[in-house]
């Protein structure tokens, strides 16, 4: 498969959702859909802004994308 529908089209999204499930969803007991959305939104902000990624040399995606150094809080 080389065009649309190739297995590698969804690899990155599937990996992201796996990370979200194991690092956020499975560790929390949400009381409502609104609470789940808010909590996952906070996690995605953390994931992009502060969580170090080994593939990015220990930097957060935002730091690489915006060319900013990793914050001291991480």
N, C-alpha and C. Protein backbone atom coordinates (compact mmCIF):
# COMPACT_ATOMS: atom_id res chain seq x y z
N UNK A 1 0.85 -1.18 0.00
CA UNK A 1 0.00 0.00 0.00
C UNK A 1 0.89 1.24 0.00
N UNK A 2 0.70 2.06 -0.98
CA UNK A 2 1.56 3.21 -1.11
C UNK A 2 0.80 4.53 -1.05
N UNK A 3 -0.48 4.50 -1.32
CA UNK A 3 -1.26 5.73 -1.36
C UNK A 3 -2.13 5.91 -0.14
N UNK A 4 -3.28 6.50 -0.37
CA UNK A 4 -4.22 6.74 0.72
C UNK A 4 -4.64 5.41 1.36
N UNK A 5 -4.69 5.38 2.67
CA UNK A 5 -5.06 4.17 3.38
C UNK A 5 -3.88 3.31 3.78
N UNK A 6 -2.67 3.79 3.56
CA UNK A 6 -1.49 3.02 3.95
C UNK A 6 -1.40 2.93 5.47
N UNK A 7 -0.81 1.88 5.97
CA UNK A 7 -0.73 1.63 7.41
C UNK A 7 -0.01 2.76 8.14
N UNK A 8 0.95 3.39 7.48
CA UNK A 8 1.73 4.42 8.16
C UNK A 8 1.01 5.75 8.28
N UNK A 9 -0.16 5.88 7.66
CA UNK A 9 -0.93 7.13 7.77
C UNK A 9 -1.36 7.40 9.20
N UNK A 10 -1.69 6.37 9.95
CA UNK A 10 -2.24 6.54 11.29
C UNK A 10 -1.26 6.20 12.41
N UNK A 11 -0.05 5.84 12.10
CA UNK A 11 0.90 5.39 13.12
C UNK A 11 1.12 6.45 14.19
N UNK A 12 1.31 7.68 13.80
CA UNK A 12 1.62 8.74 14.78
C UNK A 12 0.40 9.07 15.63
N UNK A 13 -0.76 9.10 15.03
CA UNK A 13 -1.98 9.39 15.80
C UNK A 13 -2.28 8.25 16.76
N UNK A 14 -2.13 7.01 16.31
CA UNK A 14 -2.37 5.86 17.19
C UNK A 14 -1.40 5.86 18.35
N UNK A 15 -0.16 6.22 18.13
CA UNK A 15 0.83 6.26 19.20
C UNK A 15 0.50 7.36 20.20
N UNK A 16 0.06 8.52 19.70
CA UNK A 16 -0.35 9.61 20.58
C UNK A 16 -1.51 9.17 21.46
N UNK A 17 -2.55 8.54 20.89
CA UNK A 17 -3.70 8.11 21.68
C UNK A 17 -3.31 7.03 22.68
N UNK A 18 -2.37 6.16 22.33
CA UNK A 18 -1.90 5.17 23.29
C UNK A 18 -1.26 5.86 24.49
N UNK A 19 -0.44 6.87 24.23
CA UNK A 19 0.20 7.61 25.30
C UNK A 19 -0.83 8.31 26.17
N UNK A 20 -1.80 8.96 25.57
CA UNK A 20 -2.85 9.65 26.33
C UNK A 20 -3.60 8.66 27.22
N UNK A 21 -3.93 7.51 26.67
CA UNK A 21 -4.68 6.52 27.46
C UNK A 21 -3.87 6.03 28.66
N UNK A 22 -2.60 5.68 28.44
CA UNK A 22 -1.81 5.11 29.52
C UNK A 22 -1.32 6.14 30.53
N UNK A 23 -1.07 7.38 30.12
CA UNK A 23 -0.55 8.38 31.03
C UNK A 23 -1.63 9.28 31.64
N UNK A 24 -2.85 9.25 31.10
CA UNK A 24 -3.90 10.12 31.62
C UNK A 24 -5.20 9.36 31.90
N UNK A 25 -5.81 8.82 30.90
CA UNK A 25 -7.17 8.27 31.01
C UNK A 25 -7.24 7.10 31.99
N UNK A 26 -6.33 6.14 31.87
CA UNK A 26 -6.39 4.96 32.73
C UNK A 26 -6.04 5.25 34.18
N UNK A 27 -5.45 6.41 34.45
CA UNK A 27 -5.05 6.76 35.81
C UNK A 27 -6.10 7.60 36.54
N UNK A 28 -7.15 8.00 35.85
CA UNK A 28 -8.17 8.87 36.43
C UNK A 28 -9.54 8.20 36.40
N UNK A 29 -10.38 8.62 37.33
CA UNK A 29 -11.77 8.17 37.34
C UNK A 29 -12.63 9.42 37.13
N UNK A 30 -13.04 9.65 35.91
CA UNK A 30 -13.82 10.84 35.58
C UNK A 30 -15.26 10.66 36.01
N UNK A 31 -15.85 11.74 36.52
CA UNK A 31 -17.25 11.72 36.93
C UNK A 31 -18.19 12.16 35.82
N UNK A 32 -17.64 12.86 34.82
CA UNK A 32 -18.48 13.34 33.73
C UNK A 32 -17.64 13.51 32.47
N UNK A 33 -18.32 13.67 31.36
CA UNK A 33 -17.64 13.88 30.08
C UNK A 33 -16.90 15.22 30.11
N UNK A 34 -17.51 16.22 30.70
CA UNK A 34 -16.87 17.53 30.79
C UNK A 34 -15.57 17.48 31.58
N UNK A 35 -15.58 16.74 32.66
CA UNK A 35 -14.37 16.58 33.46
C UNK A 35 -13.29 15.85 32.67
N UNK A 36 -13.68 14.83 31.93
CA UNK A 36 -12.73 14.09 31.10
C UNK A 36 -12.12 15.00 30.04
N UNK A 37 -12.95 15.78 29.38
CA UNK A 37 -12.44 16.70 28.34
C UNK A 37 -11.46 17.70 28.92
N UNK A 38 -11.80 18.26 30.07
CA UNK A 38 -10.92 19.25 30.69
C UNK A 38 -9.60 18.62 31.10
N UNK A 39 -9.65 17.44 31.69
CA UNK A 39 -8.44 16.76 32.14
C UNK A 39 -7.55 16.35 30.96
N UNK A 40 -8.15 15.84 29.91
CA UNK A 40 -7.37 15.46 28.72
C UNK A 40 -6.81 16.70 28.05
N UNK A 41 -7.55 17.79 28.05
CA UNK A 41 -7.04 19.05 27.51
C UNK A 41 -5.83 19.54 28.27
N UNK A 42 -5.88 19.45 29.62
CA UNK A 42 -4.72 19.83 30.43
C UNK A 42 -3.53 18.92 30.13
N UNK A 43 -3.81 17.62 29.96
CA UNK A 43 -2.73 16.69 29.66
C UNK A 43 -2.09 17.02 28.31
N UNK A 44 -2.89 17.32 27.31
CA UNK A 44 -2.34 17.66 26.00
C UNK A 44 -1.50 18.94 26.06
N UNK A 45 -1.92 19.89 26.88
CA UNK A 45 -1.09 21.09 27.07
C UNK A 45 0.24 20.73 27.70
N UNK A 46 0.20 19.88 28.72
CA UNK A 46 1.43 19.39 29.35
C UNK A 46 2.29 18.63 28.35
N UNK A 47 1.66 17.74 27.57
CA UNK A 47 2.37 16.90 26.59
C UNK A 47 3.13 17.75 25.58
N UNK A 48 2.50 18.82 25.13
CA UNK A 48 3.12 19.65 24.11
C UNK A 48 4.09 20.69 24.66
N UNK A 49 3.86 21.18 25.87
CA UNK A 49 4.64 22.30 26.38
C UNK A 49 5.75 21.90 27.35
N UNK A 50 5.54 20.86 28.17
CA UNK A 50 6.50 20.57 29.23
C UNK A 50 7.05 19.16 29.24
N UNK A 51 6.35 18.18 28.71
CA UNK A 51 6.80 16.79 28.79
C UNK A 51 8.00 16.57 27.88
N UNK A 52 9.13 16.11 28.44
CA UNK A 52 10.30 15.84 27.60
C UNK A 52 10.06 14.60 26.72
N UNK A 53 10.52 14.68 25.48
CA UNK A 53 10.38 13.58 24.53
C UNK A 53 11.77 13.11 24.13
N UNK A 54 12.03 11.82 24.27
CA UNK A 54 13.36 11.30 23.97
C UNK A 54 13.73 11.49 22.50
N UNK A 55 12.77 11.37 21.62
CA UNK A 55 13.02 11.53 20.19
C UNK A 55 13.42 12.97 19.85
N UNK A 56 13.06 13.91 20.70
CA UNK A 56 13.37 15.32 20.47
C UNK A 56 14.54 15.78 21.33
N UNK A 57 15.33 14.84 21.80
CA UNK A 57 16.50 15.18 22.60
C UNK A 57 16.16 15.69 23.98
N UNK A 58 15.06 15.22 24.55
CA UNK A 58 14.66 15.66 25.88
C UNK A 58 13.89 16.97 25.89
N UNK A 59 13.58 17.49 24.73
CA UNK A 59 12.82 18.73 24.62
C UNK A 59 11.34 18.44 24.43
N UNK A 60 10.53 19.44 24.72
CA UNK A 60 9.09 19.35 24.48
C UNK A 60 8.82 19.75 23.02
N UNK A 61 7.74 19.25 22.43
CA UNK A 61 7.42 19.62 21.05
C UNK A 61 7.31 21.12 20.82
N UNK A 62 6.69 21.84 21.75
CA UNK A 62 6.58 23.28 21.58
C UNK A 62 7.94 23.96 21.55
N UNK A 63 8.87 23.48 22.37
CA UNK A 63 10.21 24.07 22.40
C UNK A 63 10.90 23.90 21.06
N UNK A 64 10.72 22.76 20.44
CA UNK A 64 11.32 22.53 19.13
C UNK A 64 10.60 23.35 18.07
N UNK A 65 9.28 23.30 18.09
CA UNK A 65 8.49 23.98 17.07
C UNK A 65 8.69 25.49 17.11
N UNK A 66 8.67 26.05 18.29
CA UNK A 66 8.80 27.50 18.44
C UNK A 66 10.24 27.93 18.72
N UNK A 67 11.16 26.99 18.76
CA UNK A 67 12.59 27.26 19.00
C UNK A 67 12.84 27.96 20.31
N UNK A 68 12.12 27.50 21.36
CA UNK A 68 12.28 28.04 22.70
C UNK A 68 12.95 26.99 23.57
N UNK A 69 13.75 27.38 24.54
CA UNK A 69 14.34 26.39 25.43
C UNK A 69 13.29 25.77 26.34
N UNK A 70 13.55 24.54 26.79
CA UNK A 70 12.66 23.84 27.69
C UNK A 70 12.59 24.59 29.02
N UNK A 71 11.38 24.76 29.55
CA UNK A 71 11.21 25.51 30.80
C UNK A 71 11.85 24.75 31.96
N UNK A 72 12.23 25.46 32.99
CA UNK A 72 12.87 24.85 34.15
C UNK A 72 11.88 24.01 34.95
N UNK A 73 10.58 24.24 34.79
CA UNK A 73 9.57 23.50 35.55
C UNK A 73 9.55 22.03 35.17
N UNK A 74 9.94 21.70 33.97
CA UNK A 74 9.91 20.30 33.52
C UNK A 74 11.08 19.60 34.13
